[in-house]
Amino acid sequence: MPILEVKNIKKGFGDTDVLKGVGFSMERGQVLAIIGSSGSGKTTLLRCLNFLETPDEGEIWVNGKLLTGENLSDDQIRQNRLHFGLVFQNFNLFPHYSVLKNVTDAPIHVQKRDRDEVYKEARELLRKVGLAEKENSYPGQLSGGQQQRVAIARALAM
């Protein structure tokens, strides 16, 4: 069973059709690259998958569960977002939080996960992205590439 299945996603803004029936499926362990020219709908697709935009048509399935539909409550949308992590182009790290707090804040406060477990997982993620020694640093003390890796670890922590 696919972990993610996208069927016939359509999204337009005014007279402009941005997504015109996008569909794909992914099995666990697969990697997918979304490529295209500027304005081709890459970010719109990601925003639809993360429920930051509402598709005009189509379905999003995660682990066999349909996430899209009409009249979703705010709580259902919040729950659906928990299936996806998104690294924005400007990273959106909290400048007054350490690297470790940037990675652990949402799993602890949004997902209500155990603090010790989250910290253990976050330290392992930081090790995997090559930033174990930077857990007490602040974003302003990091290079752009290091900030990007913190954002990736934060997305994976969710």
C-alpha atoms as a PDB file:
ATOM      1  CA  MET A   1       0.000   0.000   0.000  1.00  0.00           C
ATOM      2  CA  PRO A   2       1.379   3.455  -0.869  1.00  0.00           C
ATOM      3  CA  ILE A   3       2.203   5.725   2.070  1.00  0.00           C
ATOM      4  CA  LEU A   4       1.173   8.721  -0.062  1.00  0.00           C
ATOM      5  CA  GLU A   5      -1.232   8.748  -2.973  1.00  0.00           C
ATOM      6  CA  VAL A   6      -2.235  11.933  -4.777  1.00  0.00           C
ATOM      7  CA  LYS A   7      -5.090  11.655  -7.269  1.00  0.00           C
ATOM      8  CA  ASN A   8      -6.080  14.286  -9.838  1.00  0.00           C
ATOM      9  CA  ILE A   9      -5.182  17.371  -7.764  1.00  0.00           C
ATOM     10  CA  LYS A  10      -6.372  20.564  -9.422  1.00  0.00           C
ATOM     11  CA  LYS A  11      -5.820  24.091  -8.167  1.00  0.00           C
ATOM     12  CA  GLY A  12      -6.399  27.426  -9.804  1.00  0.00           C
ATOM     13  CA  PHE A  13      -6.126  31.056  -8.832  1.00  0.00           C
ATOM     14  CA  GLY A  14      -8.620  33.239 -10.663  1.00  0.00           C
ATOM     15  CA  ASP A  15      -8.319  32.501 -14.378  1.00  0.00           C
ATOM     16  CA  THR A  16      -4.997  30.692 -13.964  1.00  0.00           C
ATOM     17  CA  ASP A  17      -5.010  26.899 -13.696  1.00  0.00           C
ATOM     18  CA  VAL A  18      -1.855  26.002 -11.763  1.00  0.00           C
ATOM     19  CA  LEU A  19      -2.309  22.291 -11.058  1.00  0.00           C
ATOM     20  CA  LYS A  20      -4.127  20.432 -13.804  1.00  0.00           C
ATOM     21  CA  GLY A  21      -4.762  16.935 -12.519  1.00  0.00           C
ATOM     22  CA  VAL A  22      -1.509  16.050 -10.716  1.00  0.00           C
ATOM     23  CA  GLY A  23      -1.244  12.507  -9.452  1.00  0.00           C
ATOM     24  CA  PHE A  24       1.405  10.144  -8.096  1.00  0.00           C
ATOM     25  CA  SER A  25       1.942   7.553  -5.409  1.00  0.00           C
ATOM     26  CA  MET A  26       4.889   6.766  -3.161  1.00  0.00           C
ATOM     27  CA  GLU A  27       5.875   3.626  -1.296  1.00  0.00           C
ATOM     28  CA  ARG A  28       7.796   3.732   1.987  1.00  0.00           C
ATOM     29  CA  GLY A  29      11.474   4.486   1.333  1.00  0.00           C
ATOM     30  CA  GLN A  30      10.923   6.086  -2.067  1.00  0.00           C
ATOM     31  CA  VAL A  31      12.227   9.550  -2.848  1.00  0.00           C
ATOM     32  CA  LEU A  32      10.387  11.936  -5.157  1.00  0.00           C
ATOM     33  CA  ALA A  33      11.829  15.039  -6.803  1.00  0.00           C
ATOM     34  CA  ILE A  34       9.449  17.744  -7.964  1.00  0.00           C
ATOM     35  CA  ILE A  35      11.121  19.772 -10.689  1.00  0.00           C
ATOM     36  CA  GLY A  36       9.904  22.433 -13.057  1.00  0.00           C
ATOM     37  CA  SER A  37      10.339  25.982 -14.153  1.00  0.00           C
ATOM     38  CA  SER A  38       9.420  28.952 -12.016  1.00  0.00           C
ATOM     39  CA  GLY A  39       5.646  29.275 -11.790  1.00  0.00           C
ATOM     40  CA  SER A  40       4.940  25.680 -12.803  1.00  0.00           C
ATOM     41  CA  GLY A  41       3.108  24.815  -9.557  1.00  0.00           C
ATOM     42  CA  LYS A  42       5.752  23.040  -7.445  1.00  0.00           C
ATOM     43  CA  THR A  43       5.133  25.142  -4.341  1.00  0.00           C
ATOM     44  CA  THR A  44       1.361  25.100  -4.897  1.00  0.00           C
ATOM     45  CA  LEU A  45       1.435  21.290  -4.935  1.00  0.00           C
ATOM     46  CA  LEU A  46       3.447  21.209  -1.702  1.00  0.00           C
ATOM     47  CA  ARG A  47       1.106  23.757  -0.114  1.00  0.00           C
ATOM     48  CA  CYS A  48      -1.884  21.574  -1.077  1.00  0.00           C
ATOM     49  CA  LEU A  49      -0.225  18.487   0.406  1.00  0.00           C
ATOM     50  CA  ASN A  50       0.420  20.383   3.645  1.00  0.00           C
ATOM     51  CA  PHE A  51      -3.106  21.901   3.712  1.00  0.00           C
ATOM     52  CA  LEU A  52      -1.839  25.447   3.427  1.00  0.00           C
ATOM     53  CA  GLU A  53      -3.919  25.610   0.226  1.00  0.00           C
ATOM     54  CA  THR A  54      -7.147  23.738  -0.492  1.00  0.00           C
ATOM     55  CA  PRO A  55      -7.179  21.818  -3.782  1.00  0.00           C
ATOM     56  CA  ASP A  56     -10.125  22.648  -6.033  1.00  0.00           C
ATOM     57  CA  GLU A  57     -10.432  18.948  -6.901  1.00  0.00           C
ATOM     58  CA  GLY A  58      -8.677  15.684  -6.190  1.00  0.00           C
ATOM     59  CA  GLU A  59      -7.744  13.426  -3.317  1.00  0.00           C
ATOM     60  CA  ILE A  60      -4.805  13.044  -0.952  1.00  0.00           C
ATOM     61  CA  TRP A  61      -4.421   9.651   0.732  1.00  0.00           C
ATOM     62  CA  VAL A  62      -1.905   8.843   3.483  1.00  0.00           C
ATOM     63  CA  ASN A  63      -1.490   5.212   4.562  1.00  0.00           C
ATOM     64  CA  GLY A  64      -4.843   4.331   2.997  1.00  0.00           C
ATOM     65  CA  LYS A  65      -6.734   7.160   4.726  1.00  0.00           C
ATOM     66  CA  LEU A  66      -8.427   9.893   2.683  1.00  0.00           C
ATOM     67  CA  LEU A  67      -7.384  13.307   4.033  1.00  0.00           C
ATOM     68  CA  THR A  68      -9.234  15.573   1.616  1.00  0.00           C
ATOM     69  CA  GLY A  69     -12.921  16.293   1.462  1.00  0.00           C
ATOM     70  CA  GLU A  70     -15.436  19.050   1.736  1.00  0.00           C
ATOM     71  CA  ASN A  71     -16.037  21.012   4.936  1.00  0.00           C
ATOM     72  CA  LEU A  72     -12.978  19.849   6.896  1.00  0.00           C
ATOM     73  CA  SER A  73     -12.885  21.352  10.375  1.00  0.00           C
ATOM     74  CA  ASP A  74      -9.867  23.324  11.571  1.00  0.00           C
ATOM     75  CA  ASP A  75      -9.044  20.396  13.869  1.00  0.00           C
ATOM     76  CA  GLN A  76      -9.150  17.901  10.966  1.00  0.00           C
ATOM     77  CA  ILE A  77      -6.862  20.153   8.916  1.00  0.00           C
ATOM     78  CA  ARG A  78      -4.420  20.409  11.854  1.00  0.00           C
ATOM     79  CA  GLN A  79      -4.442  16.616  12.197  1.00  0.00           C
ATOM     80  CA  ASN A  80      -3.858  16.183   8.449  1.00  0.00           C
ATOM     81  CA  ARG A  81      -0.862  18.523   8.556  1.00  0.00           C
ATOM     82  CA  LEU A  82       0.849  16.229  11.052  1.00  0.00           C
ATOM     83  CA  HIS A  83       1.517  13.781   8.187  1.00  0.00           C
ATOM     84  CA  PHE A  84       3.755  16.241   6.334  1.00  0.00           C
ATOM     85  CA  GLY A  85       6.890  18.236   6.974  1.00  0.00           C
ATOM     86  CA  LEU A  86       7.770  21.191   4.818  1.00  0.00           C
ATOM     87  CA  VAL A  87      11.058  23.063   4.687  1.00  0.00           C
ATOM     88  CA  PHE A  88      10.407  26.598   3.492  1.00  0.00           C
ATOM     89  CA  GLN A  89      12.940  28.404   1.342  1.00  0.00           C
ATOM     90  CA  ASN A  90      13.685  30.886   4.129  1.00  0.00           C
ATOM     91  CA  PHE A  91      13.718  28.163   6.841  1.00  0.00           C
ATOM     92  CA  ASN A  92      11.651  30.149   9.412  1.00  0.00           C
ATOM     93  CA  LEU A  93      13.884  29.219  12.350  1.00  0.00           C
ATOM     94  CA  PHE A  94      13.176  31.046  15.590  1.00  0.00           C
ATOM     95  CA  PRO A  95      16.217  33.319  16.042  1.00  0.00           C
ATOM     96  CA  HIS A  96      15.879  33.360  19.848  1.00  0.00           C
ATOM     97  CA  TYR A  97      15.779  29.531  20.116  1.00  0.00           C
ATOM     98  CA  SER A  98      18.821  27.288  20.111  1.00  0.00           C
ATOM     99  CA  VAL A  99      19.176  24.734  17.314  1.00  0.00           C
ATOM    100  CA  LEU A 100      17.912  22.003  19.652  1.00  0.00           C
ATOM    101  CA  LYS A 101      14.868  24.033  20.764  1.00  0.00           C
ATOM    102  CA  ASN A 102      14.020  24.845  17.122  1.00  0.00           C
ATOM    103  CA  VAL A 103      13.913  21.099  16.388  1.00  0.00           C
ATOM    104  CA  THR A 104      12.076  20.009  19.556  1.00  0.00           C
ATOM    105  CA  ASP A 105       9.522  22.769  20.117  1.00  0.00           C
ATOM    106  CA  ALA A 106       6.748  21.569  17.778  1.00  0.00           C
ATOM    107  CA  PRO A 107       6.890  17.840  18.629  1.00  0.00           C
ATOM    108  CA  ILE A 108       6.653  18.722  22.332  1.00  0.00           C
ATOM    109  CA  HIS A 109       4.003  21.463  22.145  1.00  0.00           C
ATOM    110  CA  VAL A 110       1.973  20.547  19.049  1.00  0.00           C
ATOM    111  CA  GLN A 111       2.180  16.756  19.056  1.00  0.00           C
ATOM    112  CA  LYS A 112       2.320  16.614  22.899  1.00  0.00           C
ATOM    113  CA  ARG A 113       5.110  14.024  22.747  1.00  0.00           C
ATOM    114  CA  ASP A 114       7.347  13.014  25.639  1.00  0.00           C
ATOM    115  CA  ARG A 115      10.080  15.614  26.131  1.00  0.00           C
ATOM    116  CA  ASP A 116      12.919  13.148  26.802  1.00  0.00           C
ATOM    117  CA  GLU A 117      12.001  11.036  23.769  1.00  0.00           C
ATOM    118  CA  VAL A 118      11.802  14.123  21.536  1.00  0.00           C
ATOM    119  CA  TYR A 119      15.193  15.414  22.728  1.00  0.00           C
ATOM    120  CA  LYS A 120      16.792  12.006  22.120  1.00  0.00           C
ATOM    121  CA  GLU A 121      15.344  11.824  18.588  1.00  0.00           C
ATOM    122  CA  ALA A 122      16.291  15.454  17.863  1.00  0.00           C
ATOM    123  CA  ARG A 123      19.908  14.870  18.876  1.00  0.00           C
ATOM    124  CA  GLU A 124      20.028  11.845  16.565  1.00  0.00           C
ATOM    125  CA  LEU A 125      18.548  13.886  13.698  1.00  0.00           C
ATOM    126  CA  LEU A 126      21.095  16.650  14.299  1.00  0.00           C
ATOM    127  CA  ARG A 127      23.842  14.024  14.217  1.00  0.00           C
ATOM    128  CA  LYS A 128      22.493  12.690  10.897  1.00  0.00           C
ATOM    129  CA  VAL A 129      22.549  16.167   9.322  1.00  0.00           C
ATOM    130  CA  GLY A 130      26.050  16.829  10.684  1.00  0.00           C
ATOM    131  CA  LEU A 131      25.114  19.373  13.339  1.00  0.00           C
ATOM    132  CA  ALA A 132      25.424  17.451  16.619  1.00  0.00           C
ATOM    133  CA  GLU A 133      28.002  19.945  17.896  1.00  0.00           C
ATOM    134  CA  LYS A 134      25.702  22.914  17.106  1.00  0.00           C
ATOM    135  CA  GLU A 135      22.699  22.009  19.290  1.00  0.00           C
ATOM    136  CA  ASN A 136      23.319  24.975  21.627  1.00  0.00           C
ATOM    137  CA  SER A 137      24.045  27.461  18.823  1.00  0.00           C
ATOM    138  CA  TYR A 138      21.522  29.999  17.562  1.00  0.00           C
ATOM    139  CA  PRO A 139      20.471  30.424  13.919  1.00  0.00           C
ATOM    140  CA  GLY A 140      22.408  33.694  13.603  1.00  0.00           C
ATOM    141  CA  GLN A 141      25.597  31.794  14.433  1.00  0.00           C
ATOM    142  CA  LEU A 142      25.087  29.306  11.579  1.00  0.00           C
ATOM    143  CA  SER A 143      25.763  29.425   7.867  1.00  0.00           C
ATOM    144  CA  GLY A 144      22.834  29.308   5.434  1.00  0.00           C
ATOM    145  CA  GLY A 145      23.499  25.636   4.707  1.00  0.00           C
ATOM    146  CA  GLN A 146      23.594  24.816   8.409  1.00  0.00           C
ATOM    147  CA  GLN A 147      20.302  26.665   8.930  1.00  0.00           C
ATOM    148  CA  GLN A 148      18.796  24.646   6.090  1.00  0.00           C
ATOM    149  CA  ARG A 149      19.912  21.405   7.747  1.00  0.00           C
ATOM    150  CA  VAL A 150      18.350  22.511  11.052  1.00  0.00           C
ATOM    151  CA  ALA A 151      15.090  23.121   9.169  1.00  0.00           C
ATOM    152  CA  ILE A 152      15.327  19.653   7.614  1.00  0.00           C
ATOM    153  CA  ALA A 153      15.888  18.086  11.049  1.00  0.00           C
ATOM    154  CA  ARG A 154      12.904  20.069  12.370  1.00  0.00           C
ATOM    155  CA  ALA A 155      10.686  18.777   9.548  1.00  0.00           C
ATOM    156  CA  LEU A 156      11.835  15.192  10.141  1.00  0.00           C
ATOM    157  CA  ALA A 157      11.163  15.537  13.881  1.00  0.00           C
ATOM    158  CA  MET A 158       7.476  16.027  13.093  1.00  0.00           C
END
